[in-house]
Amino acid sequence: MAKVVHVHLTHGIDGTKRRDWYFSSISAVYTVLTAEQVGATKNYLLHAGLSGNGTVCTKRAIIKQSTLISGSRRGDR
């Protein structure tokens, strides 16, 4: 199953009102956001225990990882 990493920023980023971001991996987070914006480094999140549907709260964001649920194709029951 695919995973999704949800980053909810508690402080806005200059130039955007967007507070919720969705990524396919922790590494992908850092292609768009900086460690300062997230409030944690990539290395920290990789070792923080997010893999078991965990949550990490920083002063700047709430980061959650969970499983992406997708529907089956017609007849794939």
PDB file of N, CA and C in Angstrom:
ATOM      1  N   MET A   1       0.829  -1.194   0.000  1.00  0.00           N
ATOM      2  CA  MET A   1       0.000   0.000   0.000  1.00  0.00           C
ATOM      3  C   MET A   1       0.866   1.247   0.000  1.00  0.00           C
ATOM      4  N   ALA A   2       0.347   2.274  -0.610  1.00  0.00           N
ATOM      5  CA  ALA A   2       1.070   3.546  -0.692  1.00  0.00           C
ATOM      6  C   ALA A   2       0.916   4.321   0.614  1.00  0.00           C
ATOM      7  N   LYS A   3       1.924   5.113   0.919  1.00  0.00           N
ATOM      8  CA  LYS A   3       1.847   5.956   2.105  1.00  0.00           C
ATOM      9  C   LYS A   3       1.711   7.409   1.683  1.00  0.00           C
ATOM     10  N   VAL A   4       1.226   8.212   2.592  1.00  0.00           N
ATOM     11  CA  VAL A   4       1.104   9.649   2.361  1.00  0.00           C
ATOM     12  C   VAL A   4       1.622  10.364   3.609  1.00  0.00           C
ATOM     13  N   VAL A   5       2.373  11.440   3.378  1.00  0.00           N
ATOM     14  CA  VAL A   5       2.889  12.258   4.469  1.00  0.00           C
ATOM     15  C   VAL A   5       2.146  13.585   4.414  1.00  0.00           C
ATOM     16  N   HIS A   6       1.437  13.898   5.483  1.00  0.00           N
ATOM     17  CA  HIS A   6       0.654  15.130   5.579  1.00  0.00           C
ATOM     18  C   HIS A   6       1.409  16.109   6.469  1.00  0.00           C
ATOM     19  N   VAL A   7       1.673  17.298   5.946  1.00  0.00           N
ATOM     20  CA  VAL A   7       2.330  18.346   6.709  1.00  0.00           C
ATOM     21  C   VAL A   7       1.343  19.494   6.870  1.00  0.00           C
ATOM     22  N   HIS A   8       0.977  19.769   8.112  1.00  0.00           N
ATOM     23  CA  HIS A   8       0.093  20.902   8.421  1.00  0.00           C
ATOM     24  C   HIS A   8       0.952  21.976   9.075  1.00  0.00           C
ATOM     25  N   LEU A   9       1.121  23.088   8.379  1.00  0.00           N
ATOM     26  CA  LEU A   9       1.934  24.187   8.903  1.00  0.00           C
ATOM     27  C   LEU A   9       1.122  25.010   9.890  1.00  0.00           C
ATOM     28  N   THR A  10       1.664  25.225  11.061  1.00  0.00           N
ATOM     29  CA  THR A  10       0.981  26.049  12.056  1.00  0.00           C
ATOM     30  C   THR A  10       1.311  27.524  11.866  1.00  0.00           C
ATOM     31  N   HIS A  11       2.352  27.803  11.084  1.00  0.00           N
ATOM     32  CA  HIS A  11       2.735  29.170  10.716  1.00  0.00           C
ATOM     33  C   HIS A  11       2.736  29.245   9.198  1.00  0.00           C
ATOM     34  N   GLY A  12       2.105  30.251   8.663  1.00  0.00           N
ATOM     35  CA  GLY A  12       2.032  30.386   7.218  1.00  0.00           C
ATOM     36  C   GLY A  12       3.387  30.679   6.582  1.00  0.00           C
ATOM     37  N   ILE A  13       3.468  30.420   5.287  1.00  0.00           N
ATOM     38  CA  ILE A  13       4.654  30.738   4.499  1.00  0.00           C
ATOM     39  C   ILE A  13       4.349  32.014   3.727  1.00  0.00           C
ATOM     40  N   ASP A  14       5.316  32.921   3.686  1.00  0.00           N
ATOM     41  CA  ASP A  14       5.132  34.168   2.933  1.00  0.00           C
ATOM     42  C   ASP A  14       4.762  33.867   1.485  1.00  0.00           C
ATOM     43  N   GLY A  15       3.726  34.528   0.993  1.00  0.00           N
ATOM     44  CA  GLY A  15       3.327  34.384  -0.396  1.00  0.00           C
ATOM     45  C   GLY A  15       2.275  33.310  -0.648  1.00  0.00           C
ATOM     46  N   THR A  16       1.883  32.555   0.372  1.00  0.00           N
ATOM     47  CA  THR A  16       0.845  31.538   0.182  1.00  0.00           C
ATOM     48  C   THR A  16      -0.003  31.408   1.439  1.00  0.00           C
ATOM     49  N   LYS A  17      -1.250  31.084   1.240  1.00  0.00           N
ATOM     50  CA  LYS A  17      -2.148  30.841   2.368  1.00  0.00           C
ATOM     51  C   LYS A  17      -2.260  29.354   2.672  1.00  0.00           C
ATOM     52  N   ARG A  18      -1.625  28.546   1.834  1.00  0.00           N
ATOM     53  CA  ARG A  18      -1.715  27.100   1.964  1.00  0.00           C
ATOM     54  C   ARG A  18      -1.043  26.629   3.250  1.00  0.00           C
ATOM     55  N   ARG A  19      -1.765  25.832   4.030  1.00  0.00           N
ATOM     56  CA  ARG A  19      -1.237  25.313   5.282  1.00  0.00           C
ATOM     57  C   ARG A  19      -1.100  23.789   5.270  1.00  0.00           C
ATOM     58  N   ASP A  20      -1.797  23.112   4.372  1.00  0.00           N
ATOM     59  CA  ASP A  20      -1.749  21.651   4.311  1.00  0.00           C
ATOM     60  C   ASP A  20      -1.069  21.198   3.033  1.00  0.00           C
ATOM     61  N   TRP A  21      -0.103  20.329   3.180  1.00  0.00           N
ATOM     62  CA  TRP A  21       0.676  19.798   2.071  1.00  0.00           C
ATOM     63  C   TRP A  21       0.671  18.278   2.185  1.00  0.00           C
ATOM     64  N   TYR A  22       0.639  17.578   1.053  1.00  0.00           N
ATOM     65  CA  TYR A  22       0.615  16.117   1.027  1.00  0.00           C
ATOM     66  C   TYR A  22       1.749  15.621   0.130  1.00  0.00           C
ATOM     67  N   PHE A  23       2.502  14.661   0.633  1.00  0.00           N
ATOM     68  CA  PHE A  23       3.682  14.164  -0.071  1.00  0.00           C
ATOM     69  C   PHE A  23       3.692  12.643  -0.081  1.00  0.00           C
ATOM     70  N   SER A  24       4.446  12.080  -1.038  1.00  0.00           N
ATOM     71  CA  SER A  24       4.556  10.624  -1.143  1.00  0.00           C
ATOM     72  C   SER A  24       5.660  10.058  -0.260  1.00  0.00           C
ATOM     73  N   SER A  25       6.522  10.919   0.276  1.00  0.00           N
ATOM     74  CA  SER A  25       7.607  10.456   1.146  1.00  0.00           C
ATOM     75  C   SER A  25       8.130  11.622   1.975  1.00  0.00           C
ATOM     76  N   ILE A  26       8.899  11.292   2.994  1.00  0.00           N
ATOM     77  CA  ILE A  26       9.525  12.333   3.814  1.00  0.00           C
ATOM     78  C   ILE A  26      10.530  13.112   2.974  1.00  0.00           C
ATOM     79  N   SER A  27      11.255  12.423   2.121  1.00  0.00           N
ATOM     80  CA  SER A  27      12.229  13.105   1.251  1.00  0.00           C
ATOM     81  C   SER A  27      11.547  14.125   0.351  1.00  0.00           C
ATOM     82  N   ALA A  28      10.360  13.815  -0.128  1.00  0.00           N
ATOM     83  CA  ALA A  28       9.630  14.725  -1.009  1.00  0.00           C
ATOM     84  C   ALA A  28       9.239  16.018  -0.291  1.00  0.00           C
ATOM     85  N   VAL A  29       9.033  15.949   1.019  1.00  0.00           N
ATOM     86  CA  VAL A  29       8.694  17.145   1.800  1.00  0.00           C
ATOM     87  C   VAL A  29       9.751  18.218   1.579  1.00  0.00           C
ATOM     88  N   TYR A  30      11.012  17.794   1.580  1.00  0.00           N
ATOM     89  CA  TYR A  30      12.119  18.743   1.528  1.00  0.00           C
ATOM     90  C   TYR A  30      12.473  19.198   0.115  1.00  0.00           C
ATOM     91  N   THR A  31      11.725  18.729  -0.881  1.00  0.00           N
ATOM     92  CA  THR A  31      11.866  19.285  -2.224  1.00  0.00           C
ATOM     93  C   THR A  31      11.028  20.550  -2.373  1.00  0.00           C
ATOM     94  N   VAL A  32      10.054  20.733  -1.468  1.00  0.00           N
ATOM     95  CA  VAL A  32       9.152  21.887  -1.515  1.00  0.00           C
ATOM     96  C   VAL A  32       9.355  22.804  -0.319  1.00  0.00           C
ATOM     97  N   LEU A  33       9.485  22.224   0.862  1.00  0.00           N
ATOM     98  CA  LEU A  33       9.603  22.992   2.100  1.00  0.00           C
ATOM     99  C   LEU A  33      11.016  22.883   2.660  1.00  0.00           C
ATOM    100  N   THR A  34      11.407  23.871   3.444  1.00  0.00           N
ATOM    101  CA  THR A  34      12.725  23.842   4.089  1.00  0.00           C
ATOM    102  C   THR A  34      12.595  23.288   5.502  1.00  0.00           C
ATOM    103  N   ALA A  35      13.726  22.919   6.070  1.00  0.00           N
ATOM    104  CA  ALA A  35      13.746  22.432   7.451  1.00  0.00           C
ATOM    105  C   ALA A  35      13.251  23.517   8.411  1.00  0.00           C
ATOM    106  N   GLU A  36      13.530  24.757   8.112  1.00  0.00           N
ATOM    107  CA  GLU A  36      13.069  25.864   8.955  1.00  0.00           C
ATOM    108  C   GLU A  36      11.549  25.994   8.915  1.00  0.00           C
ATOM    109  N   GLN A  37      10.963  25.808   7.734  1.00  0.00           N
ATOM    110  CA  GLN A  37       9.507  25.905   7.608  1.00  0.00           C
ATOM    111  C   GLN A  37       8.802  24.749   8.315  1.00  0.00           C
ATOM    112  N   VAL A  38       9.397  23.570   8.274  1.00  0.00           N
ATOM    113  CA  VAL A  38       8.805  22.380   8.894  1.00  0.00           C
ATOM    114  C   VAL A  38       9.109  22.339  10.386  1.00  0.00           C
ATOM    115  N   GLY A  39      10.259  22.866  10.776  1.00  0.00           N
ATOM    116  CA  GLY A  39      10.648  22.833  12.179  1.00  0.00           C
ATOM    117  C   GLY A  39      11.404  21.572  12.549  1.00  0.00           C
ATOM    118  N   ALA A  40      11.846  20.817  11.544  1.00  0.00           N
ATOM    119  CA  ALA A  40      12.609  19.591  11.781  1.00  0.00           C
ATOM    120  C   ALA A  40      13.406  19.258  10.532  1.00  0.00           C
ATOM    121  N   THR A  41      14.533  18.615  10.725  1.00  0.00           N
ATOM    122  CA  THR A  41      15.342  18.213   9.582  1.00  0.00           C
ATOM    123  C   THR A  41      14.802  16.913   8.990  1.00  0.00           C
ATOM    124  N   LYS A  42      15.216  16.643   7.772  1.00  0.00           N
ATOM    125  CA  LYS A  42      14.836  15.402   7.097  1.00  0.00           C
ATOM    126  C   LYS A  42      15.316  14.199   7.903  1.00  0.00           C
ATOM    127  N   ASN A  43      16.545  14.246   8.368  1.00  0.00           N
ATOM    128  CA  ASN A  43      17.105  13.141   9.146  1.00  0.00           C
ATOM    129  C   ASN A  43      16.289  12.879  10.416  1.00  0.00           C
ATOM    130  N   TYR A  44      15.855  13.938  11.077  1.00  0.00           N
ATOM    131  CA  TYR A  44      15.037  13.782  12.283  1.00  0.00           C
ATOM    132  C   TYR A  44      13.731  13.053  11.961  1.00  0.00           C
ATOM    133  N   LEU A  45      13.036  13.483  10.915  1.00  0.00           N
ATOM    134  CA  LEU A  45      11.762  12.847  10.568  1.00  0.00           C
ATOM    135  C   LEU A  45      11.944  11.408  10.116  1.00  0.00           C
ATOM    136  N   LEU A  46      13.048  11.122   9.429  1.00  0.00           N
ATOM    137  CA  LEU A  46      13.300   9.749   8.980  1.00  0.00           C
ATOM    138  C   LEU A  46      13.465   8.791  10.161  1.00  0.00           C
ATOM    139  N   HIS A  47      13.904   9.312  11.314  1.00  0.00           N
ATOM    140  CA  HIS A  47      14.129   8.470  12.497  1.00  0.00           C
ATOM    141  C   HIS A  47      13.126   8.711  13.620  1.00  0.00           C
ATOM    142  N   ALA A  48      12.063   9.460  13.356  1.00  0.00           N
ATOM    143  CA  ALA A  48      11.118   9.861  14.400  1.00  0.00           C
ATOM    144  C   ALA A  48       9.983   8.869  14.630  1.00  0.00           C
ATOM    145  N   GLY A  49       9.919   7.797  13.877  1.00  0.00           N
ATOM    146  CA  GLY A  49       8.868   6.806  14.090  1.00  0.00           C
ATOM    147  C   GLY A  49       7.572   7.111  13.372  1.00  0.00           C
ATOM    148  N   LEU A  50       7.628   7.760  12.236  1.00  0.00           N
ATOM    149  CA  LEU A  50       6.418   8.056  11.478  1.00  0.00           C
ATOM    150  C   LEU A  50       5.871   6.833  10.749  1.00  0.00           C
ATOM    151  N   SER A  51       6.690   5.813  10.548  1.00  0.00           N
ATOM    152  CA  SER A  51       6.302   4.686   9.688  1.00  0.00           C
ATOM    153  C   SER A  51       5.060   3.937  10.160  1.00  0.00           C
ATOM    154  N   GLY A  52       4.791   3.876  11.426  1.00  0.00           N
ATOM    155  CA  GLY A  52       3.614   3.165  11.926  1.00  0.00           C
ATOM    156  C   GLY A  52       2.424   4.078  12.120  1.00  0.00           C
ATOM    157  N   ASN A  53       2.117   4.889  11.112  1.00  0.00           N
ATOM    158  CA  ASN A  53       1.035   5.883  11.195  1.00  0.00           C
ATOM    159  C   ASN A  53       1.263   6.855  12.346  1.00  0.00           C
ATOM    160  N   GLY A  54       2.501   7.248  12.512  1.00  0.00           N
ATOM    161  CA  GLY A  54       2.873   8.143  13.602  1.00  0.00           C
ATOM    162  C   GLY A  54       2.664   9.602  13.287  1.00  0.00           C
ATOM    163  N   THR A  55       2.830  10.421  14.323  1.00  0.00           N
ATOM    164  CA  THR A  55       2.690  11.868  14.222  1.00  0.00           C
ATOM    165  C   THR A  55       3.847  12.532  14.942  1.00  0.00           C
ATOM    166  N   VAL A  56       4.377  13.593  14.353  1.00  0.00           N
ATOM    167  CA  VAL A  56       5.413  14.396  14.978  1.00  0.00           C
ATOM    168  C   VAL A  56       4.920  15.834  14.999  1.00  0.00           C
ATOM    169  N   CYS A  57       4.985  16.468  16.167  1.00  0.00           N
ATOM    170  CA  CYS A  57       4.598  17.874  16.300  1.00  0.00           C
ATOM    171  C   CYS A  57       5.846  18.702  16.564  1.00  0.00           C
ATOM    172  N   THR A  58       6.016  19.762  15.796  1.00  0.00           N
ATOM    173  CA  THR A  58       7.104  20.702  16.018  1.00  0.00           C
ATOM    174  C   THR A  58       6.489  22.068  16.319  1.00  0.00           C
ATOM    175  N   LYS A  59       7.332  23.051  16.541  1.00  0.00           N
ATOM    176  CA  LYS A  59       6.831  24.403  16.783  1.00  0.00           C
ATOM    177  C   LYS A  59       6.235  25.023  15.524  1.00  0.00           C
ATOM    178  N   ARG A  60       6.543  24.454  14.352  1.00  0.00           N
ATOM    179  CA  ARG A  60       6.109  25.032  13.090  1.00  0.00           C
ATOM    180  C   ARG A  60       5.113  24.179  12.317  1.00  0.00           C
ATOM    181  N   ALA A  61       4.997  22.877  12.655  1.00  0.00           N
ATOM    182  CA  ALA A  61       4.151  21.993  11.845  1.00  0.00           C
ATOM    183  C   ALA A  61       3.740  20.743  12.613  1.00  0.00           C
ATOM    184  N   ILE A  62       2.709  20.094  12.074  1.00  0.00           N
ATOM    185  CA  ILE A  62       2.291  18.761  12.523  1.00  0.00           C
ATOM    186  C   ILE A  62       2.477  17.859  11.311  1.00  0.00           C
ATOM    187  N   ILE A  63       3.278  16.816  11.478  1.00  0.00           N
ATOM    188  CA  ILE A  63       3.604  15.922  10.373  1.00  0.00           C
ATOM    189  C   ILE A  63       3.055  14.542  10.699  1.00  0.00           C
ATOM    190  N   LYS A  64       2.250  13.994   9.786  1.00  0.00           N
ATOM    191  CA  LYS A  64       1.644  12.678   9.977  1.00  0.00           C
ATOM    192  C   LYS A  64       1.936  11.815   8.764  1.00  0.00           C
ATOM    193  N   GLN A  65       2.116  10.534   9.010  1.00  0.00           N
ATOM    194  CA  GLN A  65       2.261   9.595   7.901  1.00  0.00           C
ATOM    195  C   GLN A  65       1.212   8.514   8.075  1.00  0.00           C
ATOM    196  N   SER A  66       0.513   8.201   7.001  1.00  0.00           N
ATOM    197  CA  SER A  66      -0.479   7.132   7.062  1.00  0.00           C
ATOM    198  C   SER A  66      -0.598   6.453   5.711  1.00  0.00           C
ATOM    199  N   THR A  67      -1.463   5.468   5.644  1.00  0.00           N
ATOM    200  CA  THR A  67      -1.645   4.681   4.433  1.00  0.00           C
ATOM    201  C   THR A  67      -2.705   5.321   3.558  1.00  0.00           C
ATOM    202  N   LEU A  68      -2.412   5.401   2.278  1.00  0.00           N
ATOM    203  CA  LEU A  68      -3.356   5.937   1.306  1.00  0.00           C
ATOM    204  C   LEU A  68      -4.330   4.832   0.916  1.00  0.00           C
ATOM    205  N   ILE A  69      -5.603   5.087   1.066  1.00  0.00           N
ATOM    206  CA  ILE A  69      -6.629   4.108   0.721  1.00  0.00           C
ATOM    207  C   ILE A  69      -7.177   4.465  -0.650  1.00  0.00           C
ATOM    208  N   SER A  70      -7.147   3.495  -1.533  1.00  0.00           N
ATOM    209  CA  SER A  70      -7.683   3.730  -2.871  1.00  0.00           C
ATOM    210  C   SER A  70      -8.743   2.682  -3.177  1.00  0.00           C
ATOM    211  N   GLY A  71      -9.690   3.058  -4.000  1.00  0.00           N
ATOM    212  CA  GLY A  71     -10.768   2.149  -4.365  1.00  0.00           C
ATOM    213  C   GLY A  71     -10.288   1.112  -5.362  1.00  0.00           C
ATOM    214  N   SER A  72     -10.970  -0.014  -5.386  1.00  0.00           N
ATOM    215  CA  SER A  72     -10.598  -1.054  -6.343  1.00  0.00           C
ATOM    216  C   SER A  72     -11.308  -0.780  -7.664  1.00  0.00           C
ATOM    217  N   ARG A  73     -10.759  -1.351  -8.718  1.00  0.00           N
ATOM    218  CA  ARG A  73     -11.392  -1.218 -10.025  1.00  0.00           C
ATOM    219  C   ARG A  73     -12.634  -2.094 -10.080  1.00  0.00           C
ATOM    220  N   ARG A  74     -13.512  -1.747 -10.952  1.00  0.00           N
ATOM    221  CA  ARG A  74     -14.736  -2.504 -11.100  1.00  0.00           C
ATOM    222  C   ARG A  74     -14.411  -3.957 -11.454  1.00  0.00           C
ATOM    223  N   GLY A  75     -14.945  -4.903 -10.709  1.00  0.00           N
ATOM    224  CA  GLY A  75     -14.702  -6.307 -10.957  1.00  0.00           C
ATOM    225  C   GLY A  75     -13.509  -6.875 -10.204  1.00  0.00           C
ATOM    226  N   ASP A  76     -12.770  -6.035  -9.472  1.00  0.00           N
ATOM    227  CA  ASP A  76     -11.608  -6.500  -8.708  1.00  0.00           C
ATOM    228  C   ASP A  76     -11.993  -6.836  -7.268  1.00  0.00           C
ATOM    229  N   ARG A  77     -13.035  -7.520  -7.059  1.00  0.00           N
ATOM    230  CA  ARG A  77     -13.492  -7.792  -5.695  1.00  0.00           C
ATOM    231  C   ARG A  77     -13.037  -9.087  -5.204  1.00  0.00           C
TER     232      ARG A  77
END
